[in-house]
C-alpha atoms as a PDB file:
ATOM      1  CA  UNK A   1     -21.307  -0.141  12.043  1.00  0.00           C
ATOM      2  CA  UNK A   2     -23.271   1.481   9.160  1.00  0.00           C
ATOM      3  CA  UNK A   3     -24.070   4.374  11.347  1.00  0.00           C
ATOM      4  CA  UNK A   4     -20.205   5.167  11.696  1.00  0.00           C
ATOM      5  CA  UNK A   5     -20.184   5.015   8.295  1.00  0.00           C
ATOM      6  CA  UNK A   6     -22.664   7.406   7.153  1.00  0.00           C
ATOM      7  CA  UNK A   7     -20.825   9.612   9.890  1.00  0.00           C
ATOM      8  CA  UNK A   8     -17.572   9.260   8.280  1.00  0.00           C
ATOM      9  CA  UNK A   9     -19.365  10.240   4.746  1.00  0.00           C
ATOM     10  CA  UNK A  10     -20.709  13.447   6.242  1.00  0.00           C
ATOM     11  CA  UNK A  11     -17.022  14.305   6.894  1.00  0.00           C
ATOM     12  CA  UNK A  12     -15.998  13.567   3.537  1.00  0.00           C
ATOM     13  CA  UNK A  13     -15.086  16.943   2.786  1.00  0.00           C
ATOM     14  CA  UNK A  14     -12.471  17.199   5.634  1.00  0.00           C
ATOM     15  CA  UNK A  15     -11.445  13.488   4.149  1.00  0.00           C
ATOM     16  CA  UNK A  16     -10.767  16.009   0.959  1.00  0.00           C
ATOM     17  CA  UNK A  17      -9.041  18.685   2.733  1.00  0.00           C
ATOM     18  CA  UNK A  18      -6.850  16.460   4.597  1.00  0.00           C
ATOM     19  CA  UNK A  19      -5.936  14.594   1.556  1.00  0.00           C
ATOM     20  CA  UNK A  20      -4.982  17.969  -0.328  1.00  0.00           C
ATOM     21  CA  UNK A  21      -2.807  18.854   2.814  1.00  0.00           C
ATOM     22  CA  UNK A  22      -1.071  15.871   2.881  1.00  0.00           C
ATOM     23  CA  UNK A  23       0.063  15.525  -0.544  1.00  0.00           C
ATOM     24  CA  UNK A  24       1.039  19.345  -0.864  1.00  0.00           C
ATOM     25  CA  UNK A  25       3.113  19.007   2.446  1.00  0.00           C
ATOM     26  CA  UNK A  26       5.114  15.728   1.667  1.00  0.00           C
ATOM     27  CA  UNK A  27       7.435  17.487   0.134  1.00  0.00           C
ATOM     28  CA  UNK A  28       6.953  21.396   0.595  1.00  0.00           C
ATOM     29  CA  UNK A  29      10.333  23.116   0.974  1.00  0.00           C
ATOM     30  CA  UNK A  30      12.084  20.485  -1.162  1.00  0.00           C
ATOM     31  CA  UNK A  31      13.928  21.877  -4.164  1.00  0.00           C
ATOM     32  CA  UNK A  32      12.539  19.051  -6.131  1.00  0.00           C
ATOM     33  CA  UNK A  33       9.226  18.898  -4.668  1.00  0.00           C
ATOM     34  CA  UNK A  34       6.547  16.780  -5.788  1.00  0.00           C
ATOM     35  CA  UNK A  35       9.211  14.930  -8.523  1.00  0.00           C
ATOM     36  CA  UNK A  36       9.962  12.911  -5.131  1.00  0.00           C
ATOM     37  CA  UNK A  37       6.732  10.937  -6.108  1.00  0.00           C
ATOM     38  CA  UNK A  38       8.590   9.450  -8.869  1.00  0.00           C
ATOM     39  CA  UNK A  39      12.148   9.505  -8.075  1.00  0.00           C
ATOM     40  CA  UNK A  40      11.760   7.502  -4.619  1.00  0.00           C
ATOM     41  CA  UNK A  41      10.753   4.553  -6.369  1.00  0.00           C
ATOM     42  CA  UNK A  42      12.823   5.007  -9.204  1.00  0.00           C
ATOM     43  CA  UNK A  43      16.298   5.020  -6.957  1.00  0.00           C
ATOM     44  CA  UNK A  44      14.530   1.625  -4.951  1.00  0.00           C
ATOM     45  CA  UNK A  45      13.972   0.293  -8.436  1.00  0.00           C
ATOM     46  CA  UNK A  46      17.696   0.711  -9.722  1.00  0.00           C
ATOM     47  CA  UNK A  47      19.156  -0.697  -6.628  1.00  0.00           C
ATOM     48  CA  UNK A  48      17.223  -3.617  -6.558  1.00  0.00           C
ATOM     49  CA  UNK A  49      17.411  -4.311 -10.283  1.00  0.00           C
ATOM     50  CA  UNK A  50      21.201  -3.956 -10.041  1.00  0.00           C
ATOM     51  CA  UNK A  51      21.050  -6.243  -7.083  1.00  0.00           C
ATOM     52  CA  UNK A  52      19.065  -8.947  -8.258  1.00  0.00           C
ATOM     53  CA  UNK A  53      19.840  -8.965 -11.927  1.00  0.00           C
ATOM     54  CA  UNK A  54      23.697  -8.171 -11.369  1.00  0.00           C
ATOM     55  CA  UNK A  55      24.659  -9.925  -8.346  1.00  0.00           C
ATOM     56  CA  UNK A  56      21.966 -12.373  -7.682  1.00  0.00           C
ATOM     57  CA  UNK A  57      21.286 -13.208 -11.427  1.00  0.00           C
ATOM     58  CA  UNK A  58      17.258 -13.616 -11.020  1.00  0.00           C
ATOM     59  CA  UNK A  59      16.644 -15.172 -14.352  1.00  0.00           C
ATOM     60  CA  UNK A  60      13.235 -13.096 -15.351  1.00  0.00           C
ATOM     61  CA  UNK A  61      13.047 -11.397 -18.772  1.00  0.00           C
ATOM     62  CA  UNK A  62      13.419  -7.764 -18.421  1.00  0.00           C
ATOM     63  CA  UNK A  63      13.832  -7.776 -14.873  1.00  0.00           C
ATOM     64  CA  UNK A  64      13.621  -4.498 -14.429  1.00  0.00           C
ATOM     65  CA  UNK A  65       9.979  -4.614 -15.772  1.00  0.00           C
ATOM     66  CA  UNK A  66       8.812  -7.254 -13.664  1.00  0.00           C
ATOM     67  CA  UNK A  67      10.283  -5.208 -10.672  1.00  0.00           C
ATOM     68  CA  UNK A  68       8.770  -1.978 -11.490  1.00  0.00           C
ATOM     69  CA  UNK A  69       5.484  -3.311 -11.931  1.00  0.00           C
ATOM     70  CA  UNK A  70       5.848  -5.254  -8.156  1.00  0.00           C
ATOM     71  CA  UNK A  71       7.644  -2.258  -6.327  1.00  0.00           C
ATOM     72  CA  UNK A  72       4.663   0.569  -7.259  1.00  0.00           C
ATOM     73  CA  UNK A  73       2.496  -0.951  -5.049  1.00  0.00           C
ATOM     74  CA  UNK A  74       4.582  -2.020  -2.702  1.00  0.00           C
ATOM     75  CA  UNK A  75       5.761   1.609  -2.340  1.00  0.00           C
ATOM     76  CA  UNK A  76       1.774   2.226  -1.446  1.00  0.00           C
ATOM     77  CA  UNK A  77       1.514  -0.388   0.723  1.00  0.00           C
ATOM     78  CA  UNK A  78       4.567   0.545   3.001  1.00  0.00           C
ATOM     79  CA  UNK A  79       3.668   4.326   2.815  1.00  0.00           C
ATOM     80  CA  UNK A  80       0.486   3.323   4.442  1.00  0.00           C
ATOM     81  CA  UNK A  81       1.599   1.114   6.900  1.00  0.00           C
ATOM     82  CA  UNK A  82       4.471   3.064   8.395  1.00  0.00           C
ATOM     83  CA  UNK A  83       3.030   6.200   7.946  1.00  0.00           C
ATOM     84  CA  UNK A  84      -0.342   5.243   9.137  1.00  0.00           C
ATOM     85  CA  UNK A  85       1.257   3.783  12.466  1.00  0.00           C
ATOM     86  CA  UNK A  86       1.963   7.441  13.394  1.00  0.00           C
ATOM     87  CA  UNK A  87      -0.938   9.641  11.619  1.00  0.00           C
ATOM     88  CA  UNK A  88      -2.885   9.903  15.033  1.00  0.00           C
ATOM     89  CA  UNK A  89      -0.153  10.649  17.063  1.00  0.00           C
ATOM     90  CA  UNK A  90       0.497  13.547  14.323  1.00  0.00           C
ATOM     91  CA  UNK A  91      -2.701  14.907  14.402  1.00  0.00           C
ATOM     92  CA  UNK A  92      -2.873  15.070  18.599  1.00  0.00           C
ATOM     93  CA  UNK A  93      -3.833  18.740  18.681  1.00  0.00           C
ATOM     94  CA  UNK A  94      -6.431  18.143  16.166  1.00  0.00           C
ATOM     95  CA  UNK A  95      -7.711  14.803  18.152  1.00  0.00           C
ATOM     96  CA  UNK A  96      -7.858  16.794  21.794  1.00  0.00           C
ATOM     97  CA  UNK A  97      -9.464  19.879  20.361  1.00  0.00           C
ATOM     98  CA  UNK A  98     -12.509  19.019  17.929  1.00  0.00           C
ATOM     99  CA  UNK A  99     -14.475  16.215  17.383  1.00  0.00           C
ATOM    100  CA  UNK A 100     -15.171  14.154  14.163  1.00  0.00           C
ATOM    101  CA  UNK A 101     -14.841  10.496  13.048  1.00  0.00           C
ATOM    102  CA  UNK A 102     -11.447   9.454  13.884  1.00  0.00           C
ATOM    103  CA  UNK A 103     -11.309   7.095  11.328  1.00  0.00           C
ATOM    104  CA  UNK A 104     -10.974  10.435   8.952  1.00  0.00           C
ATOM    105  CA  UNK A 105      -7.023  10.394  10.091  1.00  0.00           C
ATOM    106  CA  UNK A 106      -6.063   7.208   8.881  1.00  0.00           C
ATOM    107  CA  UNK A 107      -8.728   7.237   6.003  1.00  0.00           C
ATOM    108  CA  UNK A 108      -7.263  10.237   4.708  1.00  0.00           C
ATOM    109  CA  UNK A 109      -3.263   9.448   4.810  1.00  0.00           C
ATOM    110  CA  UNK A 110      -3.917   6.143   3.021  1.00  0.00           C
ATOM    111  CA  UNK A 111      -5.862   7.670   0.502  1.00  0.00           C
ATOM    112  CA  UNK A 112      -3.251  10.591  -0.295  1.00  0.00           C
ATOM    113  CA  UNK A 113      -0.575   7.607  -0.411  1.00  0.00           C
ATOM    114  CA  UNK A 114      -2.940   6.034  -2.633  1.00  0.00           C
ATOM    115  CA  UNK A 115      -3.148   9.202  -5.062  1.00  0.00           C
ATOM    116  CA  UNK A 116       0.844   9.045  -5.036  1.00  0.00           C
ATOM    117  CA  UNK A 117       0.830   5.468  -6.217  1.00  0.00           C
ATOM    118  CA  UNK A 118      -1.716   5.982  -9.393  1.00  0.00           C
ATOM    119  CA  UNK A 119       0.863   9.218 -10.181  1.00  0.00           C
ATOM    120  CA  UNK A 120       3.589   6.784  -9.960  1.00  0.00           C
ATOM    121  CA  UNK A 121       2.046   4.525 -12.405  1.00  0.00           C
ATOM    122  CA  UNK A 122       2.819   6.702 -15.423  1.00  0.00           C
ATOM    123  CA  UNK A 123       6.867   5.348 -14.808  1.00  0.00           C
ATOM    124  CA  UNK A 124       5.303   1.481 -15.179  1.00  0.00           C
ATOM    125  CA  UNK A 125       3.452   2.291 -18.247  1.00  0.00           C
ATOM    126  CA  UNK A 126       6.271   4.286 -19.395  1.00  0.00           C
ATOM    127  CA  UNK A 127       8.742   1.662 -19.196  1.00  0.00           C
ATOM    128  CA  UNK A 128       6.273  -0.770 -20.409  1.00  0.00           C
ATOM    129  CA  UNK A 129       5.801   1.467 -23.757  1.00  0.00           C
ATOM    130  CA  UNK A 130       9.898   2.288 -23.381  1.00  0.00           C
ATOM    131  CA  UNK A 131      10.621  -1.248 -23.289  1.00  0.00           C
ATOM    132  CA  UNK A 132       8.162  -2.566 -25.838  1.00  0.00           C
ATOM    133  CA  UNK A 133       6.752  -5.272 -23.633  1.00  0.00           C
ATOM    134  CA  UNK A 134       3.633  -3.939 -24.992  1.00  0.00           C
ATOM    135  CA  UNK A 135      -0.157  -3.960 -22.694  1.00  0.00           C
ATOM    136  CA  UNK A 136      -2.912  -6.139 -23.227  1.00  0.00           C
ATOM    137  CA  UNK A 137      -6.042  -4.029 -22.733  1.00  0.00           C
ATOM    138  CA  UNK A 138      -8.426  -7.073 -22.356  1.00  0.00           C
ATOM    139  CA  UNK A 139      -7.075  -7.339 -18.962  1.00  0.00           C
ATOM    140  CA  UNK A 140      -6.580  -3.869 -17.950  1.00  0.00           C
ATOM    141  CA  UNK A 141      -9.980  -3.274 -16.462  1.00  0.00           C
ATOM    142  CA  UNK A 142      -8.966  -6.064 -14.088  1.00  0.00           C
ATOM    143  CA  UNK A 143      -6.097  -3.449 -12.661  1.00  0.00           C
ATOM    144  CA  UNK A 144      -8.619  -0.677 -11.161  1.00  0.00           C
ATOM    145  CA  UNK A 145     -10.029  -4.002  -9.282  1.00  0.00           C
ATOM    146  CA  UNK A 146      -6.784  -5.158  -7.746  1.00  0.00           C
ATOM    147  CA  UNK A 147      -5.928  -1.541  -7.031  1.00  0.00           C
ATOM    148  CA  UNK A 148      -8.881  -1.197  -4.692  1.00  0.00           C
ATOM    149  CA  UNK A 149      -8.151  -4.267  -3.096  1.00  0.00           C
ATOM    150  CA  UNK A 150      -4.672  -3.093  -2.481  1.00  0.00           C
ATOM    151  CA  UNK A 151      -6.104   0.003  -0.985  1.00  0.00           C
ATOM    152  CA  UNK A 152      -8.925  -1.689   1.365  1.00  0.00           C
ATOM    153  CA  UNK A 153      -5.984  -4.410   2.668  1.00  0.00           C
ATOM    154  CA  UNK A 154      -3.706  -1.386   3.282  1.00  0.00           C
ATOM    155  CA  UNK A 155      -6.896   0.696   5.363  1.00  0.00           C
ATOM    156  CA  UNK A 156      -7.422  -2.049   7.292  1.00  0.00           C
ATOM    157  CA  UNK A 157      -4.196  -2.836   8.499  1.00  0.00           C
ATOM    158  CA  UNK A 158      -3.271   1.136   8.812  1.00  0.00           C
ATOM    159  CA  UNK A 159      -6.675   1.219  11.553  1.00  0.00           C
ATOM    160  CA  UNK A 160      -5.104  -1.899  13.380  1.00  0.00           C
ATOM    161  CA  UNK A 161      -1.426  -0.246  13.480  1.00  0.00           C
ATOM    162  CA  UNK A 162      -2.616   3.700  13.606  1.00  0.00           C
ATOM    163  CA  UNK A 163      -5.094   2.978  16.829  1.00  0.00           C
ATOM    164  CA  UNK A 164      -2.656   0.776  19.005  1.00  0.00           C
ATOM    165  CA  UNK A 165       0.377   2.661  18.621  1.00  0.00           C
ATOM    166  CA  UNK A 166      -1.385   5.274  20.441  1.00  0.00           C
ATOM    167  CA  UNK A 167      -1.004   2.453  23.419  1.00  0.00           C
ATOM    168  CA  UNK A 168       1.869   1.017  22.374  1.00  0.00           C
ATOM    169  CA  UNK A 169       4.399   3.624  20.731  1.00  0.00           C
ATOM    170  CA  UNK A 170       6.716   0.902  20.297  1.00  0.00           C
ATOM    171  CA  UNK A 171       5.114  -0.629  17.635  1.00  0.00           C
ATOM    172  CA  UNK A 172       6.172   2.408  15.393  1.00  0.00           C
ATOM    173  CA  UNK A 173       9.901   1.030  15.840  1.00  0.00           C
ATOM    174  CA  UNK A 174       8.601  -2.696  15.198  1.00  0.00           C
ATOM    175  CA  UNK A 175       6.626  -1.877  12.004  1.00  0.00           C
ATOM    176  CA  UNK A 176       9.235  -0.498  10.731  1.00  0.00           C
ATOM    177  CA  UNK A 177      11.458  -3.675  11.226  1.00  0.00           C
ATOM    178  CA  UNK A 178       8.470  -5.814  10.227  1.00  0.00           C
ATOM    179  CA  UNK A 179       8.150  -4.128   6.847  1.00  0.00           C
ATOM    180  CA  UNK A 180      11.949  -4.370   5.626  1.00  0.00           C
ATOM    181  CA  UNK A 181      11.484  -8.278   6.314  1.00  0.00           C
ATOM    182  CA  UNK A 182       8.171  -8.314   4.544  1.00  0.00           C
ATOM    183  CA  UNK A 183       9.165  -7.311   1.181  1.00  0.00           C
ATOM    184  CA  UNK A 184      11.281 -10.067   0.633  1.00  0.00           C
ATOM    185  CA  UNK A 185       8.568 -12.267   1.204  1.00  0.00           C
ATOM    186  CA  UNK A 186       6.504 -10.711  -1.018  1.00  0.00           C
ATOM    187  CA  UNK A 187       7.085 -11.779  -4.802  1.00  0.00           C
ATOM    188  CA  UNK A 188       7.945  -8.553  -6.079  1.00  0.00           C
ATOM    189  CA  UNK A 189      11.949  -9.578  -7.006  1.00  0.00           C
ATOM    190  CA  UNK A 190      11.404 -12.924  -7.911  1.00  0.00           C
ATOM    191  CA  UNK A 191       9.047 -15.016  -9.354  1.00  0.00           C
ATOM    192  CA  UNK A 192       6.810 -17.730  -6.711  1.00  0.00           C
ATOM    193  CA  UNK A 193       8.394 -20.180  -8.951  1.00  0.00           C
ATOM    194  CA  UNK A 194      11.602 -19.536  -7.553  1.00  0.00           C
ATOM    195  CA  UNK A 195      10.100 -20.744  -4.117  1.00  0.00           C
ATOM    196  CA  UNK A 196      10.169 -24.749  -3.169  1.00  0.00           C
ATOM    197  CA  UNK A 197       6.702 -26.052  -3.817  1.00  0.00           C
ATOM    198  CA  UNK A 198       6.517 -27.201  -0.293  1.00  0.00           C
ATOM    199  CA  UNK A 199       6.995 -23.847   1.119  1.00  0.00           C
ATOM    200  CA  UNK A 200       4.599 -21.734  -1.315  1.00  0.00           C
ATOM    201  CA  UNK A 201       1.406 -22.351   1.173  1.00  0.00           C
ATOM    202  CA  UNK A 202       3.146 -20.566   3.759  1.00  0.00           C
ATOM    203  CA  UNK A 203       4.272 -17.350   1.443  1.00  0.00           C
ATOM    204  CA  UNK A 204       0.611 -17.267   0.140  1.00  0.00           C
ATOM    205  CA  UNK A 205      -0.313 -16.680   4.033  1.00  0.00           C
ATOM    206  CA  UNK A 206       1.285 -13.239   3.165  1.00  0.00           C
ATOM    207  CA  UNK A 207      -1.744 -11.431   1.905  1.00  0.00           C
ATOM    208  CA  UNK A 208       0.653  -8.899  -0.273  1.00  0.00           C
ATOM    209  CA  UNK A 209       1.205 -12.142  -2.379  1.00  0.00           C
ATOM    210  CA  UNK A 210      -1.837 -12.299  -4.529  1.00  0.00           C
ATOM    211  CA  UNK A 211      -2.147  -8.676  -5.109  1.00  0.00           C
ATOM    212  CA  UNK A 212       1.482  -8.557  -6.321  1.00  0.00           C
ATOM    213  CA  UNK A 213       0.672 -11.832  -8.502  1.00  0.00           C
ATOM    214  CA  UNK A 214      -1.757 -10.096  -9.668  1.00  0.00           C
ATOM    215  CA  UNK A 215      -0.543  -7.103 -10.815  1.00  0.00           C
ATOM    216  CA  UNK A 216       2.272  -9.235 -12.166  1.00  0.00           C
ATOM    217  CA  UNK A 217      -0.377 -11.214 -14.201  1.00  0.00           C
ATOM    218  CA  UNK A 218      -2.166  -7.987 -15.461  1.00  0.00           C
ATOM    219  CA  UNK A 219       0.804  -5.790 -16.414  1.00  0.00           C
ATOM    220  CA  UNK A 220       3.697  -8.207 -17.292  1.00  0.00           C
ATOM    221  CA  UNK A 221       2.628 -11.550 -18.102  1.00  0.00           C
ATOM    222  CA  UNK A 222      -1.003  -9.587 -19.924  1.00  0.00           C
ATOM    223  CA  UNK A 223      -3.334 -12.203 -18.692  1.00  0.00           C
ATOM    224  CA  UNK A 224      -6.572 -12.138 -16.366  1.00  0.00           C
ATOM    225  CA  UNK A 225      -5.714 -12.616 -12.525  1.00  0.00           C
ATOM    226  CA  UNK A 226      -7.017 -16.431 -11.560  1.00  0.00           C
ATOM    227  CA  UNK A 227     -10.352 -16.512  -9.871  1.00  0.00           C
ATOM    228  CA  UNK A 228      -8.991 -17.772  -7.136  1.00  0.00           C
ATOM    229  CA  UNK A 229      -6.284 -14.896  -6.889  1.00  0.00           C
ATOM    230  CA  UNK A 230      -8.528 -12.499  -6.918  1.00  0.00           C
ATOM    231  CA  UNK A 231     -11.365 -14.094  -4.214  1.00  0.00           C
ATOM    232  CA  UNK A 232      -8.068 -14.428  -2.226  1.00  0.00           C
ATOM    233  CA  UNK A 233      -7.137 -10.707  -2.416  1.00  0.00           C
ATOM    234  CA  UNK A 234     -10.683  -9.699  -1.795  1.00  0.00           C
ATOM    235  CA  UNK A 235     -11.797 -11.355   1.047  1.00  0.00           C
ATOM    236  CA  UNK A 236      -8.351 -11.235   2.719  1.00  0.00           C
ATOM    237  CA  UNK A 237      -8.909  -7.490   2.435  1.00  0.00           C
ATOM    238  CA  UNK A 238     -12.406  -7.447   3.389  1.00  0.00           C
ATOM    239  CA  UNK A 239     -11.141  -8.891   6.680  1.00  0.00           C
ATOM    240  CA  UNK A 240      -8.411  -6.836   7.466  1.00  0.00           C
ATOM    241  CA  UNK A 241     -10.563  -3.603   6.705  1.00  0.00           C
ATOM    242  CA  UNK A 242     -13.901  -4.996   9.059  1.00  0.00           C
ATOM    243  CA  UNK A 243     -10.955  -6.082  11.775  1.00  0.00           C
ATOM    244  CA  UNK A 244      -9.219  -2.728  11.884  1.00  0.00           C
ATOM    245  CA  UNK A 245     -12.550  -0.881  11.378  1.00  0.00           C
ATOM    246  CA  UNK A 246     -13.652  -2.576  14.747  1.00  0.00           C
ATOM    247  CA  UNK A 247     -10.705  -2.653  16.474  1.00  0.00           C
ATOM    248  CA  UNK A 248     -10.051   0.948  15.542  1.00  0.00           C
ATOM    249  CA  UNK A 249     -13.843   1.564  17.029  1.00  0.00           C
ATOM    250  CA  UNK A 250     -13.066   0.394  20.234  1.00  0.00           C
ATOM    251  CA  UNK A 251      -9.887   2.034  20.796  1.00  0.00           C
ATOM    252  CA  UNK A 252     -10.354   5.399  19.748  1.00  0.00           C
ATOM    253  CA  UNK A 253     -12.442   6.288  22.899  1.00  0.00           C
ATOM    254  CA  UNK A 254      -9.505   7.116  24.893  1.00  0.00           C
ATOM    255  CA  UNK A 255      -7.416   8.805  22.284  1.00  0.00           C
ATOM    256  CA  UNK A 256      -7.509  12.533  23.106  1.00  0.00           C
ATOM    257  CA  UNK A 257      -6.552  10.932  27.028  1.00  0.00           C
ATOM    258  CA  UNK A 258      -3.626   8.422  26.085  1.00  0.00           C
ATOM    259  CA  UNK A 259      -2.214  11.531  23.765  1.00  0.00           C
END
C-alpha cells in the first residue's frame, strides 16, 4: 500500500492538472460561469429554508444560518459521491490509452469538489457576519480539521462507487436515489434534539452525522466539537478511506477491459 501511495504522489502534477481542468470545465460555456459555485447552493438553501421554516416551522433560531452551515459541506459530499460514481467512466479514453495510477481520477474529482466547497464557505461566513451571529475565533482551528475529515470520508466512498460502477452501471442510478434520502437522515435541516432518543443511535450510524454536528458546533453554537464527535468522525473516515482504497486497487486491474 505504501508503494502505491508513493506512486500516486509521484503523479501529483497530473492530479493538479486534472483538478484545474475540472474546475475550469465545470461551468464552461455558461453565461454566469464560476458564479454557479455560489448560485447552486444558495438556491438550495432558499428552497429548504422556505419549506422548513415556513411550512414545517422548525424551531431553530436563525434557521437560515443553521441550514447554510450544514448545507455547504453536504453539497461537497453529495457532489463527490454522485460525480465520483461516474468519474472513471468519464475518463475511459485516458484509462485505455495511458498508464497512471487510476486512483488519480477520483482523487482529482473529489479535490476539485473540495476546492469548490472552500470557495462556497465565503457564503457561510458572509451569512454569519450579516446575521450578526458572530464567530468564536477560539474554536475556528477545528474547522480545517473537520473539513479534512470530511474530505477523507468523501474520497473513501468515491473510491468505492467509482470502481464498482465500472462493473455495475446501475450503481450510478442507485447512488442518485440514495443521496436524495441520505440528506434527510443527516442533521442539516434539524437538530438531533428533534430525533426521539430511542432512534438517535440509528442516526449516528450515518457517517455524515458527527461531521455536520461538528460544523454546527463550530460555526453555529460557537463551541468546540466534543472529543467523541471528532473521534467517531475521524475513525469512520479512515475506515472508509482504507476500505475504498483497498477495494479500488482490487478492481482497477480490469478497468480498461470493462470500459
